[in-house]
């Protein structure tokens, strides 16, 4: 019997700072802020079950007027 594959893990980077309290709205993704090249960025990292869920996350970030910097499948 095949075991189901674990969902892929993504790291999405946006410009600016998101508080960790937003994690509940982001389906439990890990939220880390960092300074890169003199500006603050936030990395959202975690398992995203499928492309529809990824699209939903990206749409939510768009709705919040956040600037998307990178989307990386880890």
PDB file of N, CA and C in Angstrom:
ATOM      1  N   UNK A   1       0.834  -1.161   0.000  1.00  0.00           N
ATOM      2  CA  UNK A   1       0.000   0.000   0.000  1.00  0.00           C
ATOM      3  C   UNK A   1       0.894   1.244   0.000  1.00  0.00           C
ATOM      4  N   UNK A   2       0.614   2.174  -0.905  1.00  0.00           N
ATOM      5  CA  UNK A   2       1.376   3.418  -0.992  1.00  0.00           C
ATOM      6  C   UNK A   2       0.924   4.381   0.084  1.00  0.00           C
ATOM      7  N   UNK A   3       1.905   5.046   0.682  1.00  0.00           N
ATOM      8  CA  UNK A   3       1.561   6.094   1.627  1.00  0.00           C
ATOM      9  C   UNK A   3       1.445   7.398   0.857  1.00  0.00           C
ATOM     10  N   UNK A   4       0.467   8.217   1.201  1.00  0.00           N
ATOM     11  CA  UNK A   4       0.295   9.472   0.485  1.00  0.00           C
ATOM     12  C   UNK A   4       1.506  10.381   0.701  1.00  0.00           C
ATOM     13  N   UNK A   5       1.872  11.091  -0.345  1.00  0.00           N
ATOM     14  CA  UNK A   5       2.996  12.016  -0.258  1.00  0.00           C
ATOM     15  C   UNK A   5       2.616  13.205   0.612  1.00  0.00           C
ATOM     16  N   UNK A   6       3.592  13.690   1.327  1.00  0.00           N
ATOM     17  CA  UNK A   6       3.362  14.895   2.144  1.00  0.00           C
ATOM     18  C   UNK A   6       3.168  16.084   1.211  1.00  0.00           C
ATOM     19  N   UNK A   7       2.336  17.031   1.603  1.00  0.00           N
ATOM     20  CA  UNK A   7       2.139  18.205   0.755  1.00  0.00           C
ATOM     21  C   UNK A   7       3.450  18.989   0.631  1.00  0.00           C
ATOM     22  N   UNK A   8       3.649  19.643  -0.494  1.00  0.00           N
ATOM     23  CA  UNK A   8       4.878  20.402  -0.678  1.00  0.00           C
ATOM     24  C   UNK A   8       4.954  21.596   0.279  1.00  0.00           C
ATOM     25  N   UNK A   9       6.179  21.957   0.609  1.00  0.00           N
ATOM     26  CA  UNK A   9       6.430  23.101   1.484  1.00  0.00           C
ATOM     27  C   UNK A   9       6.868  24.275   0.619  1.00  0.00           C
ATOM     28  N   UNK A  10       6.280  25.426   0.887  1.00  0.00           N
ATOM     29  CA  UNK A  10       6.591  26.647   0.147  1.00  0.00           C
ATOM     30  C   UNK A  10       7.111  27.716   1.097  1.00  0.00           C
ATOM     31  N   UNK A  11       7.914  28.619   0.546  1.00  0.00           N
ATOM     32  CA  UNK A  11       8.320  29.827   1.236  1.00  0.00           C
ATOM     33  C   UNK A  11       7.898  30.993   0.356  1.00  0.00           C
ATOM     34  N   UNK A  12       7.021  31.836   0.883  1.00  0.00           N
ATOM     35  CA  UNK A  12       6.523  33.001   0.161  1.00  0.00           C
ATOM     36  C   UNK A  12       7.069  34.230   0.880  1.00  0.00           C
ATOM     37  N   UNK A  13       7.735  35.106   0.144  1.00  0.00           N
ATOM     38  CA  UNK A  13       8.315  36.312   0.729  1.00  0.00           C
ATOM     39  C   UNK A  13       7.542  37.524   0.241  1.00  0.00           C
ATOM     40  N   UNK A  14       7.149  38.370   1.202  1.00  0.00           N
ATOM     41  CA  UNK A  14       6.452  39.611   0.877  1.00  0.00           C
ATOM     42  C   UNK A  14       7.225  40.780   1.487  1.00  0.00           C
ATOM     43  N   UNK A  15       7.052  41.937   0.897  1.00  0.00           N
ATOM     44  CA  UNK A  15       7.692  43.133   1.401  1.00  0.00           C
ATOM     45  C   UNK A  15       6.922  43.639   2.616  1.00  0.00           C
ATOM     46  N   UNK A  16       7.648  44.078   3.635  1.00  0.00           N
ATOM     47  CA  UNK A  16       7.017  44.619   4.829  1.00  0.00           C
ATOM     48  C   UNK A  16       6.974  43.613   5.964  1.00  0.00           C
ATOM     49  N   UNK A  17       6.329  44.027   7.031  1.00  0.00           N
ATOM     50  CA  UNK A  17       6.289  43.223   8.252  1.00  0.00           C
ATOM     51  C   UNK A  17       4.857  42.764   8.531  1.00  0.00           C
ATOM     52  N   UNK A  18       4.705  41.463   8.702  1.00  0.00           N
ATOM     53  CA  UNK A  18       3.430  40.895   9.150  1.00  0.00           C
ATOM     54  C   UNK A  18       3.622  40.367  10.562  1.00  0.00           C
ATOM     55  N   UNK A  19       2.712  40.672  11.436  1.00  0.00           N
ATOM     56  CA  UNK A  19       2.763  40.183  12.803  1.00  0.00           C
ATOM     57  C   UNK A  19       2.456  38.692  12.827  1.00  0.00           C
ATOM     58  N   UNK A  20       3.059  37.980  13.777  1.00  0.00           N
ATOM     59  CA  UNK A  20       2.829  36.532  13.885  1.00  0.00           C
ATOM     60  C   UNK A  20       1.369  36.192  14.158  1.00  0.00           C
ATOM     61  N   UNK A  21       0.610  37.143  14.666  1.00  0.00           N
ATOM     62  CA  UNK A  21      -0.809  36.913  14.939  1.00  0.00           C
ATOM     63  C   UNK A  21      -1.586  36.608  13.655  1.00  0.00           C
ATOM     64  N   UNK A  22      -1.051  36.990  12.499  1.00  0.00           N
ATOM     65  CA  UNK A  22      -1.715  36.714  11.226  1.00  0.00           C
ATOM     66  C   UNK A  22      -1.623  35.239  10.840  1.00  0.00           C
ATOM     67  N   UNK A  23      -0.839  34.456  11.572  1.00  0.00           N
ATOM     68  CA  UNK A  23      -0.671  33.038  11.259  1.00  0.00           C
ATOM     69  C   UNK A  23      -1.982  32.279  11.173  1.00  0.00           C
ATOM     70  N   UNK A  24      -2.946  32.626  12.028  1.00  0.00           N
ATOM     71  CA  UNK A  24      -4.251  31.960  11.999  1.00  0.00           C
ATOM     72  C   UNK A  24      -4.955  32.219  10.669  1.00  0.00           C
ATOM     73  N   UNK A  25      -4.834  33.434  10.136  1.00  0.00           N
ATOM     74  CA  UNK A  25      -5.451  33.783   8.859  1.00  0.00           C
ATOM     75  C   UNK A  25      -4.709  33.167   7.677  1.00  0.00           C
ATOM     76  N   UNK A  26      -3.503  32.687   7.949  1.00  0.00           N
ATOM     77  CA  UNK A  26      -2.667  32.127   6.880  1.00  0.00           C
ATOM     78  C   UNK A  26      -2.500  30.617   7.044  1.00  0.00           C
ATOM     79  N   UNK A  27      -3.509  29.983   7.582  1.00  0.00           N
ATOM     80  CA  UNK A  27      -3.546  28.518   7.722  1.00  0.00           C
ATOM     81  C   UNK A  27      -2.337  27.947   8.452  1.00  0.00           C
ATOM     82  N   UNK A  28      -1.877  28.668   9.467  1.00  0.00           N
ATOM     83  CA  UNK A  28      -0.805  28.153  10.311  1.00  0.00           C
ATOM     84  C   UNK A  28       0.590  28.232   9.723  1.00  0.00           C
ATOM     85  N   UNK A  29       0.791  28.997   8.659  1.00  0.00           N
ATOM     86  CA  UNK A  29       2.134  29.142   8.104  1.00  0.00           C
ATOM     87  C   UNK A  29       3.031  29.828   9.130  1.00  0.00           C
ATOM     88  N   UNK A  30       4.303  29.471   9.129  1.00  0.00           N
ATOM     89  CA  UNK A  30       5.281  30.114   9.982  1.00  0.00           C
ATOM     90  C   UNK A  30       5.581  31.498   9.426  1.00  0.00           C
ATOM     91  N   UNK A  31       5.600  32.502  10.294  1.00  0.00           N
ATOM     92  CA  UNK A  31       5.841  33.884   9.876  1.00  0.00           C
ATOM     93  C   UNK A  31       7.158  34.335  10.489  1.00  0.00           C
ATOM     94  N   UNK A  32       8.094  34.732   9.634  1.00  0.00           N
ATOM     95  CA  UNK A  32       9.384  35.248  10.089  1.00  0.00           C
ATOM     96  C   UNK A  32       9.661  36.565   9.386  1.00  0.00           C
ATOM     97  N   UNK A  33      10.111  37.563  10.138  1.00  0.00           N
ATOM     98  CA  UNK A  33      10.493  38.826   9.525  1.00  0.00           C
ATOM     99  C   UNK A  33      12.010  38.947   9.539  1.00  0.00           C
ATOM    100  N   UNK A  34      12.538  39.660   8.558  1.00  0.00           N
ATOM    101  CA  UNK A  34      13.985  39.852   8.443  1.00  0.00           C
ATOM    102  C   UNK A  34      14.251  41.151   7.708  1.00  0.00           C
ATOM    103  N   UNK A  35      15.446  41.658   7.905  1.00  0.00           N
ATOM    104  CA  UNK A  35      15.889  42.821   7.142  1.00  0.00           C
ATOM    105  C   UNK A  35      16.756  42.334   5.995  1.00  0.00           C
ATOM    106  N   UNK A  36      16.390  42.715   4.795  1.00  0.00           N
ATOM    107  CA  UNK A  36      17.164  42.353   3.607  1.00  0.00           C
ATOM    108  C   UNK A  36      17.460  43.610   2.822  1.00  0.00           C
ATOM    109  N   UNK A  37      18.729  43.898   2.666  1.00  0.00           N
ATOM    110  CA  UNK A  37      19.160  45.037   1.857  1.00  0.00           C
ATOM    111  C   UNK A  37      18.501  46.336   2.317  1.00  0.00           C
ATOM    112  N   UNK A  38      18.371  46.494   3.626  1.00  0.00           N
ATOM    113  CA  UNK A  38      17.850  47.724   4.173  1.00  0.00           C
ATOM    114  C   UNK A  38      16.338  47.836   4.242  1.00  0.00           C
ATOM    115  N   UNK A  39      15.617  46.787   3.862  1.00  0.00           N
ATOM    116  CA  UNK A  39      14.159  46.843   3.979  1.00  0.00           C
ATOM    117  C   UNK A  39      13.653  45.582   4.670  1.00  0.00           C
ATOM    118  N   UNK A  40      12.501  45.701   5.296  1.00  0.00           N
ATOM    119  CA  UNK A  40      11.917  44.586   6.034  1.00  0.00           C
ATOM    120  C   UNK A  40      11.127  43.687   5.090  1.00  0.00           C
ATOM    121  N   UNK A  41      11.300  42.381   5.260  1.00  0.00           N
ATOM    122  CA  UNK A  41      10.518  41.401   4.508  1.00  0.00           C
ATOM    123  C   UNK A  41       9.945  40.381   5.489  1.00  0.00           C
ATOM    124  N   UNK A  42       8.875  39.725   5.066  1.00  0.00           N
ATOM    125  CA  UNK A  42       8.268  38.659   5.850  1.00  0.00           C
ATOM    126  C   UNK A  42       8.262  37.394   5.015  1.00  0.00           C
ATOM    127  N   UNK A  43       8.703  36.286   5.632  1.00  0.00           N
ATOM    128  CA  UNK A  43       8.679  34.980   4.972  1.00  0.00           C
ATOM    129  C   UNK A  43       7.576  34.136   5.593  1.00  0.00           C
ATOM    130  N   UNK A  44       6.741  33.584   4.749  1.00  0.00           N
ATOM    131  CA  UNK A  44       5.665  32.683   5.162  1.00  0.00           C
ATOM    132  C   UNK A  44       6.059  31.295   4.686  1.00  0.00           C
ATOM    133  N   UNK A  45       6.224  30.360   5.606  1.00  0.00           N
ATOM    134  CA  UNK A  45       6.723  29.042   5.252  1.00  0.00           C
ATOM    135  C   UNK A  45       5.804  27.962   5.814  1.00  0.00           C
ATOM    136  N   UNK A  46       5.546  26.951   4.985  1.00  0.00           N
ATOM    137  CA  UNK A  46       4.761  25.826   5.465  1.00  0.00           C
ATOM    138  C   UNK A  46       4.219  24.989   4.332  1.00  0.00           C
ATOM    139  N   UNK A  47       3.566  23.899   4.695  1.00  0.00           N
ATOM    140  CA  UNK A  47       2.977  22.986   3.720  1.00  0.00           C
ATOM    141  C   UNK A  47       1.712  23.606   3.138  1.00  0.00           C
ATOM    142  N   UNK A  48       1.602  23.507   1.834  1.00  0.00           N
ATOM    143  CA  UNK A  48       0.409  23.981   1.126  1.00  0.00           C
ATOM    144  C   UNK A  48      -0.090  22.807   0.304  1.00  0.00           C
ATOM    145  N   UNK A  49      -1.310  22.367   0.576  1.00  0.00           N
ATOM    146  CA  UNK A  49      -1.787  21.069   0.099  1.00  0.00           C
ATOM    147  C   UNK A  49      -1.860  20.924  -1.419  1.00  0.00           C
ATOM    148  N   UNK A  50      -2.192  22.003  -2.127  1.00  0.00           N
ATOM    149  CA  UNK A  50      -2.293  21.885  -3.584  1.00  0.00           C
ATOM    150  C   UNK A  50      -2.225  23.271  -4.223  1.00  0.00           C
ATOM    151  N   UNK A  51      -2.288  23.311  -5.536  1.00  0.00           N
ATOM    152  CA  UNK A  51      -2.178  24.566  -6.264  1.00  0.00           C
ATOM    153  C   UNK A  51      -3.343  25.509  -5.966  1.00  0.00           C
ATOM    154  N   UNK A  52      -4.516  24.969  -5.723  1.00  0.00           N
ATOM    155  CA  UNK A  52      -5.665  25.810  -5.381  1.00  0.00           C
ATOM    156  C   UNK A  52      -5.422  26.526  -4.051  1.00  0.00           C
ATOM    157  N   UNK A  53      -4.849  25.832  -3.079  1.00  0.00           N
ATOM    158  CA  UNK A  53      -4.544  26.450  -1.787  1.00  0.00           C
ATOM    159  C   UNK A  53      -3.457  27.511  -1.940  1.00  0.00           C
ATOM    160  N   UNK A  54      -2.474  27.247  -2.784  1.00  0.00           N
ATOM    161  CA  UNK A  54      -1.428  28.236  -3.046  1.00  0.00           C
ATOM    162  C   UNK A  54      -2.036  29.478  -3.687  1.00  0.00           C
ATOM    163  N   UNK A  55      -2.896  29.277  -4.646  1.00  0.00           N
ATOM    164  CA  UNK A  55      -3.562  30.409  -5.305  1.00  0.00           C
ATOM    165  C   UNK A  55      -4.403  31.198  -4.300  1.00  0.00           C
ATOM    166  N   UNK A  56      -5.090  30.503  -3.397  1.00  0.00           N
ATOM    167  CA  UNK A  56      -5.863  31.178  -2.367  1.00  0.00           C
ATOM    168  C   UNK A  56      -4.986  32.034  -1.463  1.00  0.00           C
ATOM    169  N   UNK A  57      -3.814  31.513  -1.084  1.00  0.00           N
ATOM    170  CA  UNK A  57      -2.881  32.275  -0.268  1.00  0.00           C
ATOM    171  C   UNK A  57      -2.409  33.516  -1.015  1.00  0.00           C
ATOM    172  N   UNK A  58      -2.019  33.348  -2.263  1.00  0.00           N
ATOM    173  CA  UNK A  58      -1.534  34.482  -3.056  1.00  0.00           C
ATOM    174  C   UNK A  58      -2.634  35.531  -3.248  1.00  0.00           C
ATOM    175  N   UNK A  59      -3.864  35.084  -3.455  1.00  0.00           N
ATOM    176  CA  UNK A  59      -4.989  36.019  -3.572  1.00  0.00           C
ATOM    177  C   UNK A  59      -5.193  36.802  -2.272  1.00  0.00           C
ATOM    178  N   UNK A  60      -5.075  36.120  -1.140  1.00  0.00           N
ATOM    179  CA  UNK A  60      -5.243  36.787   0.147  1.00  0.00           C
ATOM    180  C   UNK A  60      -4.162  37.851   0.343  1.00  0.00           C
ATOM    181  N   UNK A  61      -2.927  37.530  -0.006  1.00  0.00           N
ATOM    182  CA  UNK A  61      -1.840  38.504   0.114  1.00  0.00           C
ATOM    183  C   UNK A  61      -2.088  39.697  -0.804  1.00  0.00           C
ATOM    184  N   UNK A  62      -2.608  39.425  -1.992  1.00  0.00           N
ATOM    185  CA  UNK A  62      -2.969  40.488  -2.943  1.00  0.00           C
ATOM    186  C   UNK A  62      -4.063  41.378  -2.346  1.00  0.00           C
ATOM    187  N   UNK A  63      -5.077  40.754  -1.770  1.00  0.00           N
ATOM    188  CA  UNK A  63      -6.181  41.507  -1.170  1.00  0.00           C
ATOM    189  C   UNK A  63      -5.692  42.413  -0.033  1.00  0.00           C
ATOM    190  N   UNK A  64      -4.630  41.996   0.660  1.00  0.00           N
ATOM    191  CA  UNK A  64      -4.064  42.784   1.746  1.00  0.00           C
ATOM    192  C   UNK A  64      -3.069  43.827   1.228  1.00  0.00           C
ATOM    193  N   UNK A  65      -2.951  43.959  -0.081  1.00  0.00           N
ATOM    194  CA  UNK A  65      -2.055  44.929  -0.720  1.00  0.00           C
ATOM    195  C   UNK A  65      -0.592  44.726  -0.344  1.00  0.00           C
ATOM    196  N   UNK A  66      -0.185  43.470  -0.171  1.00  0.00           N
ATOM    197  CA  UNK A  66       1.217  43.173   0.112  1.00  0.00           C
ATOM    198  C   UNK A  66       1.961  42.959  -1.200  1.00  0.00           C
ATOM    199  N   UNK A  67       3.207  43.391  -1.229  1.00  0.00           N
ATOM    200  CA  UNK A  67       4.037  43.217  -2.423  1.00  0.00           C
ATOM    201  C   UNK A  67       4.709  41.861  -2.371  1.00  0.00           C
ATOM    202  N   UNK A  68       4.393  41.004  -3.320  1.00  0.00           N
ATOM    203  CA  UNK A  68       4.969  39.669  -3.415  1.00  0.00           C
ATOM    204  C   UNK A  68       6.373  39.769  -3.982  1.00  0.00           C
ATOM    205  N   UNK A  69       7.330  39.135  -3.298  1.00  0.00           N
ATOM    206  CA  UNK A  69       8.718  39.174  -3.754  1.00  0.00           C
ATOM    207  C   UNK A  69       9.151  37.838  -4.363  1.00  0.00           C
ATOM    208  N   UNK A  70       8.881  36.741  -3.647  1.00  0.00           N
ATOM    209  CA  UNK A  70       9.252  35.420  -4.171  1.00  0.00           C
ATOM    210  C   UNK A  70       8.243  34.370  -3.718  1.00  0.00           C
ATOM    211  N   UNK A  71       8.145  33.308  -4.514  1.00  0.00           N
ATOM    212  CA  UNK A  71       7.416  32.095  -4.151  1.00  0.00           C
ATOM    213  C   UNK A  71       8.343  30.943  -4.515  1.00  0.00           C
ATOM    214  N   UNK A  72       8.743  30.174  -3.494  1.00  0.00           N
ATOM    215  CA  UNK A  72       9.703  29.095  -3.701  1.00  0.00           C
ATOM    216  C   UNK A  72       9.165  27.801  -3.146  1.00  0.00           C
ATOM    217  N   UNK A  73       9.206  26.753  -3.957  1.00  0.00           N
ATOM    218  CA  UNK A  73       8.857  25.422  -3.452  1.00  0.00           C
ATOM    219  C   UNK A  73      10.140  24.813  -2.891  1.00  0.00           C
ATOM    220  N   UNK A  74      10.099  24.437  -1.618  1.00  0.00           N
ATOM    221  CA  UNK A  74      11.295  23.926  -0.954  1.00  0.00           C
ATOM    222  C   UNK A  74      11.449  22.429  -1.103  1.00  0.00           C
TER     223      UNK A  74
END
